[in-house]
Protein backbone atom coordinates (compact mmCIF):
# COMPACT_ATOMS: atom_id res chain seq x y z
CA UNK A 1 -17.30 -16.43 82.95
CA UNK A 2 -16.73 -15.43 86.51
CA UNK A 3 -13.07 -15.51 87.50
CA UNK A 4 -11.87 -15.29 91.07
CA UNK A 5 -9.25 -12.57 91.38
CA UNK A 6 -6.16 -13.55 93.33
CA UNK A 7 -4.16 -10.83 95.04
CA UNK A 8 -0.58 -10.00 94.17
CA UNK A 9 0.52 -11.25 97.56
CA UNK A 10 -0.87 -14.71 96.75
CA UNK A 11 1.14 -14.99 93.55
CA UNK A 12 4.30 -13.42 94.91
CA UNK A 13 4.12 -15.40 98.16
CA UNK A 14 3.76 -18.66 96.26
CA UNK A 15 6.69 -17.71 94.05
CA UNK A 16 8.94 -16.66 96.93
CA UNK A 17 8.05 -19.79 98.90
CA UNK A 18 9.09 -21.88 95.91
CA UNK A 19 12.34 -19.93 95.60
CA UNK A 20 13.02 -20.21 99.33
CA UNK A 21 12.68 -23.98 99.16
CA UNK A 22 15.18 -24.18 96.33
CA UNK A 23 17.53 -21.81 98.16
CA UNK A 24 17.49 -23.94 101.31
CA UNK A 25 18.40 -27.01 99.29
CA UNK A 26 21.18 -25.17 97.49
CA UNK A 27 19.55 -25.40 94.06
CA UNK A 28 18.59 -21.75 93.47
CA UNK A 29 19.58 -20.77 89.94
CA UNK A 30 18.32 -18.30 87.43
CA UNK A 31 15.46 -20.03 85.64
CA UNK A 32 16.26 -21.09 82.12
CA UNK A 33 19.97 -20.25 82.34
CA UNK A 34 21.42 -22.39 85.12
CA UNK A 35 23.38 -19.42 86.46
CA UNK A 36 23.43 -18.49 90.13
CA UNK A 37 21.07 -15.66 91.08
CA UNK A 38 23.32 -14.34 93.83
CA UNK A 39 20.70 -15.03 96.51
CA UNK A 40 22.08 -14.26 99.95
CA UNK A 41 22.57 -17.09 102.41
CA UNK A 42 22.02 -14.66 105.30
CA UNK A 43 18.51 -15.42 106.70
CA UNK A 44 17.76 -11.78 107.52
CA UNK A 45 18.78 -10.60 104.04
CA UNK A 46 16.76 -13.40 102.47
CA UNK A 47 13.67 -12.39 104.42
CA UNK A 48 14.07 -8.79 103.24
CA UNK A 49 14.51 -9.97 99.65
CA UNK A 50 11.35 -12.04 99.78
CA UNK A 51 9.32 -9.21 101.33
CA UNK A 52 10.64 -6.85 98.66
CA UNK A 53 9.39 -9.21 95.94
CA UNK A 54 5.99 -9.52 97.63
CA UNK A 55 5.47 -5.80 98.34
CA UNK A 56 6.78 -4.32 95.08
CA UNK A 57 8.94 -1.40 94.03
CA UNK A 58 7.05 1.23 96.06
CA UNK A 59 7.98 -0.59 99.26
CA UNK A 60 11.70 0.25 98.81
CA UNK A 61 11.07 3.99 99.25
CA UNK A 62 9.04 3.49 102.42
CA UNK A 63 11.32 1.02 104.12
CA UNK A 64 14.05 3.45 105.12
CA UNK A 65 16.51 1.89 102.70
CA UNK A 66 16.06 -1.55 104.24
CA UNK A 67 15.46 -3.19 100.88
CA UNK A 68 18.35 -3.85 98.56
CA UNK A 69 18.06 -3.16 94.84
CA UNK A 70 16.94 -6.14 92.77
CA UNK A 71 18.88 -7.35 89.76
CA UNK A 72 19.14 -10.41 87.53
CA UNK A 73 16.36 -12.95 87.91
CA UNK A 74 14.89 -11.10 90.91
CA UNK A 75 14.63 -7.90 88.90
CA UNK A 76 12.98 -9.72 85.99
CA UNK A 77 10.46 -11.37 88.30
CA UNK A 78 9.67 -8.05 89.95
CA UNK A 79 9.13 -6.42 86.55
CA UNK A 80 6.72 -9.18 85.52
CA UNK A 81 4.72 -8.76 88.72
CA UNK A 82 4.77 -4.95 88.40
CA UNK A 83 3.45 -5.11 84.83
CA UNK A 84 0.42 -7.05 86.02
CA UNK A 85 -0.30 -5.71 89.48
CA UNK A 86 1.28 -2.24 89.48
CA UNK A 87 -0.09 -0.66 92.65
CA UNK A 88 0.12 -4.04 94.44
CA UNK A 89 -3.29 -4.98 95.66
CA UNK A 90 -5.19 -1.79 94.79
CA UNK A 91 -4.96 -1.22 91.03
CA UNK A 92 -7.62 1.46 91.19
CA UNK A 93 -5.90 3.54 93.86
CA UNK A 94 -5.42 7.21 93.14
CA UNK A 95 -2.86 9.62 94.45
CA UNK A 96 0.88 10.16 94.43
CA UNK A 97 2.89 7.09 93.59
CA UNK A 98 -0.15 4.96 92.79
CA UNK A 99 0.02 2.94 89.60
CA UNK A 100 -2.09 0.44 87.78
CA UNK A 101 -0.71 -2.68 86.16
CA UNK A 102 -0.46 -2.44 82.42
CA UNK A 103 0.58 -4.64 79.54
CA UNK A 104 -1.00 -2.33 77.03
CA UNK A 105 -2.92 -3.54 74.00
CA UNK A 106 0.18 -4.76 72.25
CA UNK A 107 0.12 -8.47 71.45
CA UNK A 108 3.94 -8.67 71.14
CA UNK A 109 4.33 -7.09 74.59
CA UNK A 110 1.84 -9.55 76.10
CA UNK A 111 3.61 -12.45 74.35
CA UNK A 112 6.93 -11.38 75.87
CA UNK A 113 5.33 -11.05 79.29
CA UNK A 114 3.82 -14.53 79.01
CA UNK A 115 7.23 -15.86 78.11
CA UNK A 116 8.82 -14.10 81.08
CA UNK A 117 6.42 -15.46 83.66
CA UNK A 118 6.82 -18.99 82.28
CA UNK A 119 10.58 -18.56 82.65
CA UNK A 120 10.67 -17.17 86.18
CA UNK A 121 7.65 -18.67 87.96
CA UNK A 122 6.42 -22.23 88.65
CA UNK A 123 3.46 -23.43 86.57
CA UNK A 124 0.95 -23.05 89.43
CA UNK A 125 1.86 -19.36 89.84
CA UNK A 126 1.83 -18.82 86.05
CA UNK A 127 -1.78 -20.01 85.94
CA UNK A 128 -2.76 -17.64 88.76
CA UNK A 129 -1.09 -14.68 87.02
CA UNK A 130 -2.72 -15.51 83.68
CA UNK A 131 -6.17 -15.59 85.29
CA UNK A 132 -5.48 -12.26 87.00
CA UNK A 133 -4.26 -10.73 83.73
CA UNK A 134 -7.47 -11.76 81.99
CA UNK A 135 -9.60 -10.44 84.84
CA UNK A 136 -7.72 -7.28 85.84
CA UNK A 137 -6.39 -6.07 82.51
CA UNK A 138 -9.10 -7.23 80.13
CA UNK A 139 -6.84 -9.46 78.06
CA UNK A 140 -9.55 -11.93 77.10
CA UNK A 141 -9.75 -10.44 73.61
CA UNK A 142 -6.09 -11.23 73.02
CA UNK A 143 -6.89 -14.93 73.50
CA UNK A 144 -8.60 -14.71 70.12
CA UNK A 145 -5.15 -14.51 68.54
CA UNK A 146 -3.42 -17.87 67.81
CA UNK A 147 0.03 -16.68 68.96
CA UNK A 148 -1.38 -15.78 72.35
CA UNK A 149 -2.96 -19.20 72.84
CA UNK A 150 0.31 -20.88 71.97
CA UNK A 151 2.08 -18.88 74.69
CA UNK A 152 -0.27 -19.42 77.63
CA UNK A 153 -0.08 -22.11 80.32
CA UNK A 154 -3.26 -24.09 79.76
CA UNK A 155 -5.48 -25.14 82.69
CA UNK A 156 -9.15 -25.72 83.47
CA UNK A 157 -9.83 -22.02 84.06
CA UNK A 158 -8.32 -21.07 80.70
CA UNK A 159 -10.51 -23.68 79.01
CA UNK A 160 -13.54 -22.07 80.65
CA UNK A 161 -12.50 -18.67 79.30
CA UNK A 162 -12.00 -20.07 75.79
CA UNK A 163 -15.40 -21.74 75.86
CA UNK A 164 -17.04 -18.44 76.78
CA UNK A 165 -15.25 -16.78 73.85
CA UNK A 166 -15.40 -19.46 71.17
CA UNK A 167 -18.49 -18.05 69.44
CA UNK A 168 -16.52 -14.85 68.81
CA UNK A 169 -13.33 -16.57 67.67
CA UNK A 170 -12.12 -16.05 64.12
CA UNK A 171 -11.62 -19.21 62.07
CA UNK A 172 -7.83 -18.79 62.24
CA UNK A 173 -7.97 -19.16 66.03
CA UNK A 174 -10.49 -21.98 66.46
CA UNK A 175 -8.10 -24.82 65.63
CA UNK A 176 -5.49 -23.46 68.03
CA UNK A 177 -8.15 -23.11 70.73
CA UNK A 178 -9.27 -26.71 70.18
CA UNK A 179 -5.67 -27.86 70.47
CA UNK A 180 -5.30 -26.04 73.81
CA UNK A 181 -8.58 -27.47 75.11
CA UNK A 182 -7.65 -30.97 73.91
CA UNK A 183 -4.34 -30.84 75.77
CA UNK A 184 -6.07 -29.97 79.04
CA UNK A 185 -8.77 -32.61 78.48
CA UNK A 186 -6.22 -35.32 77.72
CA UNK A 187 -4.27 -34.44 80.87
CA UNK A 188 -7.48 -34.66 82.91
CA UNK A 189 -8.39 -38.01 81.36
CA UNK A 190 -4.97 -39.44 82.22
CA UNK A 191 -5.40 -38.25 85.78
CA UNK A 192 -8.99 -39.36 86.31
CA UNK A 193 -10.00 -42.12 83.89
CA UNK A 194 -8.21 -45.17 85.33
CA UNK A 195 -9.36 -44.59 88.89
CA UNK A 196 -12.91 -43.79 87.77
CA UNK A 197 -13.23 -46.98 85.71
CA UNK A 198 -11.71 -49.14 88.46
CA UNK A 199 -13.92 -47.67 91.19
CA UNK A 200 -17.15 -47.88 89.21
CA UNK A 201 -16.41 -51.32 87.79
CA UNK A 202 -15.98 -52.60 91.34
CA UNK A 203 -19.25 -50.98 92.39
CA UNK A 204 -21.11 -52.49 89.43
CA UNK A 205 -19.59 -55.92 90.04
CA UNK A 206 -20.58 -55.85 93.68
CA UNK A 207 -24.14 -54.94 92.76
CA UNK A 208 -24.28 -57.97 90.42
CA UNK A 209 -22.68 -60.49 92.79
CA UNK A 210 -24.44 -63.88 92.99
CA UNK A 211 -23.93 -66.85 95.32
CA UNK A 212 -24.47 -69.63 92.75
CA UNK A 213 -22.25 -68.54 89.86
CA UNK A 214 -21.19 -70.58 86.88
CA UNK A 215 -17.60 -71.75 87.01
CA UNK A 216 -16.31 -69.05 84.67
CA UNK A 217 -18.16 -66.37 86.65
CA UNK A 218 -16.61 -67.22 90.04
CA UNK A 219 -14.77 -64.40 91.78
CA UNK A 220 -11.96 -66.51 93.20
CA UNK A 221 -10.39 -63.78 95.31
CA UNK A 222 -13.58 -63.09 97.23
CA UNK A 223 -14.51 -66.77 97.35
CA UNK A 224 -11.18 -67.70 98.99
CA UNK A 225 -11.39 -64.85 101.50
CA UNK A 226 -14.95 -65.84 102.42
CA UNK A 227 -13.92 -69.46 103.03
CA UNK A 228 -10.58 -69.12 104.84
CA UNK A 229 -12.17 -70.64 107.94
CA UNK A 230 -12.46 -73.86 105.94
CA UNK A 231 -8.73 -74.15 105.25
CA UNK A 232 -7.45 -77.75 105.58
CA UNK A 233 -3.73 -77.72 106.51
CA UNK A 234 -3.19 -81.38 105.67
CA UNK A 235 -4.37 -80.79 102.11
CA UNK A 236 -3.13 -77.21 101.95
CA UNK A 237 -6.39 -76.12 100.40
CA UNK A 238 -9.62 -74.25 101.13
CA UNK A 239 -12.96 -75.99 100.92
CA UNK A 240 -15.36 -73.43 99.38
CA UNK A 241 -18.70 -73.84 101.13
CA UNK A 242 -19.94 -70.63 99.53
CA UNK A 243 -19.08 -69.49 96.02
CA UNK A 244 -19.09 -65.79 95.19
CA UNK A 245 -19.29 -64.60 91.63
CA UNK A 246 -20.75 -62.12 89.19
CA UNK A 247 -23.95 -62.50 87.22
CA UNK A 248 -23.99 -62.77 83.45
CA UNK A 249 -25.49 -59.28 83.45
CA UNK A 250 -21.93 -57.99 83.92
CA UNK A 251 -21.61 -57.92 80.13
CA UNK A 252 -24.79 -55.94 79.56
CA UNK A 253 -25.97 -52.48 80.55
CA UNK A 254 -26.75 -52.54 84.26
CA UNK A 255 -27.17 -48.87 85.19
CA UNK A 256 -28.34 -45.70 83.49
CA UNK A 257 -26.55 -42.46 84.35
CA UNK A 258 -27.78 -38.98 83.41
CA UNK A 259 -25.41 -36.05 83.94
CA UNK A 260 -27.43 -32.81 83.94
CA UNK A 261 -25.01 -29.86 83.84
CA UNK A 262 -25.70 -26.19 84.46
CA UNK A 263 -23.70 -24.23 81.85
CA UNK A 264 -24.05 -20.79 83.42
CA UNK A 265 -20.79 -18.83 83.48
CA UNK A 266 -20.05 -19.51 87.16
CA UNK A 267 -20.04 -23.27 86.50
CA UNK A 268 -17.22 -23.23 83.91
CA UNK A 269 -14.77 -25.51 85.76
CA UNK A 270 -17.57 -27.95 86.62
CA UNK A 271 -18.59 -28.14 82.95
CA UNK A 272 -15.03 -29.05 81.96
CA UNK A 273 -14.68 -31.79 84.56
CA UNK A 274 -18.20 -33.15 84.00
CA UNK A 275 -17.57 -33.43 80.26
CA UNK A 276 -14.42 -35.46 80.89
CA UNK A 277 -16.21 -37.72 83.36
CA UNK A 278 -19.12 -38.07 80.94
CA UNK A 279 -16.76 -39.37 78.26
CA UNK A 280 -15.16 -41.81 80.72
CA UNK A 281 -18.54 -43.13 81.89
CA UNK A 282 -19.72 -43.46 78.28
CA UNK A 283 -16.72 -45.70 77.54
CA UNK A 284 -17.95 -48.26 80.12
CA UNK A 285 -20.20 -50.87 78.50
CA UNK A 286 -22.09 -51.58 81.70
CA UNK A 287 -23.29 -47.96 81.90
CA UNK A 288 -25.69 -46.18 79.59
CA UNK A 289 -24.62 -42.55 79.98
CA UNK A 290 -26.52 -39.45 78.88
CA UNK A 291 -25.11 -35.91 79.11
CA UNK A 292 -27.46 -32.92 79.13
CA UNK A 293 -26.40 -29.27 79.43
CA UNK A 294 -28.77 -26.41 80.11
CA UNK A 295 -29.25 -22.70 80.72
CA UNK A 296 -32.72 -21.47 79.82
CA UNK A 297 -32.75 -24.09 77.06
CA UNK A 298 -31.75 -27.76 77.14
CA UNK A 299 -29.24 -29.47 74.83
CA UNK A 300 -28.58 -33.22 74.76
CA UNK A 301 -24.91 -33.84 73.90
CA UNK A 302 -24.96 -37.61 74.38
CA UNK A 303 -24.07 -38.31 70.74
CA UNK A 304 -20.82 -36.35 71.18
CA UNK A 305 -19.61 -38.18 74.29
CA UNK A 306 -16.95 -40.07 72.34
CA UNK A 307 -14.95 -36.82 72.31
CA UNK A 308 -15.17 -34.55 75.36
CA UNK A 309 -13.65 -31.70 73.34
CA UNK A 310 -16.68 -31.80 71.05
CA UNK A 311 -18.89 -31.80 74.14
CA UNK A 312 -17.17 -28.71 75.52
CA UNK A 313 -17.44 -26.80 72.26
CA UNK A 314 -21.10 -27.79 72.16
CA UNK A 315 -21.72 -25.85 75.38
CA UNK A 316 -22.38 -22.14 75.59
CA UNK A 317 -21.29 -20.72 78.93
CA UNK A 318 -23.39 -17.88 80.28
CA UNK A 319 -27.06 -17.02 80.21
CA UNK A 320 -29.88 -17.80 82.60
CA UNK A 321 -30.82 -21.01 84.40
CA UNK A 322 -33.96 -23.16 84.13
CA UNK A 323 -33.35 -26.26 86.23
CA UNK A 324 -37.00 -27.28 86.11
CA UNK A 325 -36.97 -27.51 82.32
CA UNK A 326 -33.72 -29.48 82.34
CA UNK A 327 -35.05 -31.97 84.91
CA UNK A 328 -38.26 -32.34 82.91
CA UNK A 329 -36.19 -33.40 79.90
CA UNK A 330 -34.10 -35.83 81.99
CA UNK A 331 -37.23 -37.28 83.57
CA UNK A 332 -38.68 -37.95 80.11
CA UNK A 333 -35.60 -40.03 79.22
CA UNK A 334 -35.80 -42.36 82.25
CA UNK A 335 -37.00 -45.85 81.34
CA UNK A 336 -35.64 -47.86 84.30
CA UNK A 337 -36.09 -45.69 87.40
CA UNK A 338 -34.73 -48.25 89.88
CA UNK A 339 -31.55 -48.61 87.82
CA UNK A 340 -31.01 -44.89 87.10
CA UNK A 341 -28.72 -42.32 88.70
CA UNK A 342 -29.35 -38.64 87.91
CA UNK A 343 -26.51 -36.23 88.76
CA UNK A 344 -27.50 -32.56 88.75
CA UNK A 345 -24.45 -30.27 88.70
CA UNK A 346 -25.65 -26.74 89.45
CA UNK A 347 -25.34 -23.85 91.90
CA UNK A 348 -29.16 -24.08 92.18
CA UNK A 349 -29.85 -20.44 91.30
CA UNK A 350 -33.14 -21.32 89.63
CA UNK A 351 -34.64 -18.91 87.14
CA UNK A 352 -37.51 -21.22 86.28
CA UNK A 353 -40.30 -22.67 88.40
CA UNK A 354 -38.88 -23.49 91.84
CA UNK A 355 -41.80 -25.62 93.02
CA UNK A 356 -41.77 -27.47 89.73
CA UNK A 357 -38.07 -28.30 90.15
CA UNK A 358 -38.64 -29.72 93.64
CA UNK A 359 -41.71 -31.71 92.57
CA UNK A 360 -39.72 -33.33 89.76
CA UNK A 361 -36.94 -34.34 92.13
CA UNK A 362 -39.50 -35.77 94.56
CA UNK A 363 -41.24 -37.68 91.75
CA UNK A 364 -37.98 -39.18 90.47
CA UNK A 365 -36.94 -40.27 93.95
CA UNK A 366 -40.39 -41.79 94.60
CA UNK A 367 -40.02 -43.83 91.40
CA UNK A 368 -36.69 -45.24 92.63
CA UNK A 369 -34.22 -42.93 90.89
CA UNK A 370 -31.02 -42.17 92.81
CA UNK A 371 -30.69 -38.37 92.69
CA UNK A 372 -27.37 -36.63 93.38
CA UNK A 373 -26.91 -32.84 93.54
CA UNK A 374 -23.40 -31.42 93.16
CA UNK A 375 -23.05 -27.68 93.75
CA UNK A 376 -19.66 -27.82 92.05
CA UNK A 377 -17.37 -30.42 90.52
CA UNK A 378 -14.04 -28.65 90.77
CA UNK A 379 -10.86 -28.19 92.79
CA UNK A 380 -12.08 -24.86 94.17
CA UNK A 381 -13.30 -24.20 97.69
CA UNK A 382 -16.89 -23.86 98.89
CA UNK A 383 -18.99 -22.58 95.98
CA UNK A 384 -21.62 -19.87 95.95
CA UNK A 385 -25.07 -21.46 95.74
CA UNK A 386 -28.72 -20.95 96.58
CA UNK A 387 -28.94 -22.12 100.19
CA UNK A 388 -32.73 -22.18 100.29
CA UNK A 389 -32.93 -24.57 97.34
CA UNK A 390 -30.09 -26.70 98.77
CA UNK A 391 -31.99 -27.04 102.06
CA UNK A 392 -35.21 -27.92 100.22
CA UNK A 393 -33.44 -30.70 98.29
CA UNK A 394 -31.87 -32.00 101.49
CA UNK A 395 -35.36 -32.21 102.99
CA UNK A 396 -36.32 -34.44 100.04
CA UNK A 397 -33.41 -36.77 100.80
CA UNK A 398 -31.15 -35.35 98.07
CA UNK A 399 -28.41 -33.44 99.93
CA UNK A 400 -26.51 -30.87 97.88
CA UNK A 401 -22.74 -30.71 98.26
CA UNK A 402 -19.56 -29.77 96.40
CA UNK A 403 -17.16 -32.48 95.31
CA UNK A 404 -13.58 -32.50 94.02
CA UNK A 405 -12.86 -34.39 90.76
CA UNK A 406 -10.61 -36.88 92.57
CA UNK A 407 -13.51 -37.91 94.81
CA UNK A 408 -16.27 -37.95 92.20
CA UNK A 409 -15.74 -41.69 91.48
CA UNK A 410 -16.47 -42.50 95.14
CA UNK A 411 -19.69 -40.48 95.02
CA UNK A 412 -20.77 -42.27 91.83
CA UNK A 413 -19.85 -45.68 93.26
CA UNK A 414 -22.01 -45.02 96.33
CA UNK A 415 -24.91 -43.91 94.12
CA UNK A 416 -24.64 -47.00 91.88
CA UNK A 417 -24.54 -49.33 94.89
CA UNK A 418 -27.34 -47.39 96.60
CA UNK A 419 -25.14 -46.74 99.61
CA UNK A 420 -25.25 -43.49 101.61
CA UNK A 421 -23.45 -40.74 99.73
CA UNK A 422 -20.09 -39.71 101.24
CA UNK A 423 -21.26 -36.23 102.21
CA UNK A 424 -19.56 -35.90 105.64
CA UNK A 425 -15.80 -35.68 106.14
CA UNK A 426 -13.26 -35.01 103.41
CA UNK A 427 -15.04 -36.77 100.55
CA UNK A 428 -17.36 -33.86 99.93
CA UNK A 429 -18.27 -30.48 101.30
CA UNK A 430 -21.88 -30.48 102.53
CA UNK A 431 -24.11 -27.52 101.85
CA UNK A 432 -24.94 -25.48 104.90
CA UNK A 433 -28.54 -24.98 105.89
CA UNK A 434 -29.95 -21.48 105.35
CA UNK A 435 -29.52 -18.98 108.12
CA UNK A 436 -32.65 -18.39 110.22
């Protein structure tokens, strides 16, 4: 799995900003104890203190004595940062005074460090520091120990790391790893499921709206709004010239959705989110959802969609990429092209037959399939992707863009209703055309 390394300044700046906010509101206490940290109310001294925490211990010697010694909670926070980052921004630097971060190979020492950062830093900073520890200090192997997994702050990135390691996990660790993954998945479902179901149900209902509904199928809210011009004040009622309702098809499968997910290492966060969304879509009776993951081979995980944790442990992050083969499989499963939405989630670095991939997309679109390409489904910024392939798909009428999980329901709703996809603006990040 590819992990983006965040600098020490990012973590320390986020931490000191959080502390500064609490100081300004008069709530600064030593985390976990409720005792005052002794933070100075003098703005100049507070600025020096914050810079000292950001720059590290070596900065005190080069500041002409301008930095005061740290103690208490500040000293503990500085020690936790020093253990991870050491030379502050250049762990490989050589020369006098240069140091590298180090937690050693000792599991107890790492466990204590994990406890310290959870005590002294907000959860968002803890997650950044954990990712940096795994990337900078090679601590991934320690995640194979149950006591380590119990101590970490779980997030989507940690789930991606665990999925890349789960084939190497001893049996004693697998249940703990599943528990960590399940916690993250359940949190994501709580955050995303309700809005997804509401948005897509509305889109499906609108696509099935009829103007001569049976009485029990009348949408009274829309009917009243459509007939307000016919309001009769003397009778205090609306005369409905036009009834709006939903067809009986609302209780049957109306759309087919195929999620085709690239499980290469760089797509880890997207795999996690897509698996959660796949389970949510599968729970909707009016959708027939299929979930396919691929690298150089293709695996259909549709029968595991009832539990997204099973889906995630059915993936194998890493390896090559054969989009053409994956699309060939998806194409073979399409029975109602005009009622089908195919969502390809991939960075488009094709290791298979490029022309074959494009021909399959063109053929599906010609048959009436709505084809959506997401370069990433994650909270991260602009992803790395193959710009040439993105431009070729855009030329076929299938623009490639990155999308955040919170906005994925809007993209799916537009696809189901056959409206233009919300590529411009804040709803999605469009892929740039290749440089000339």
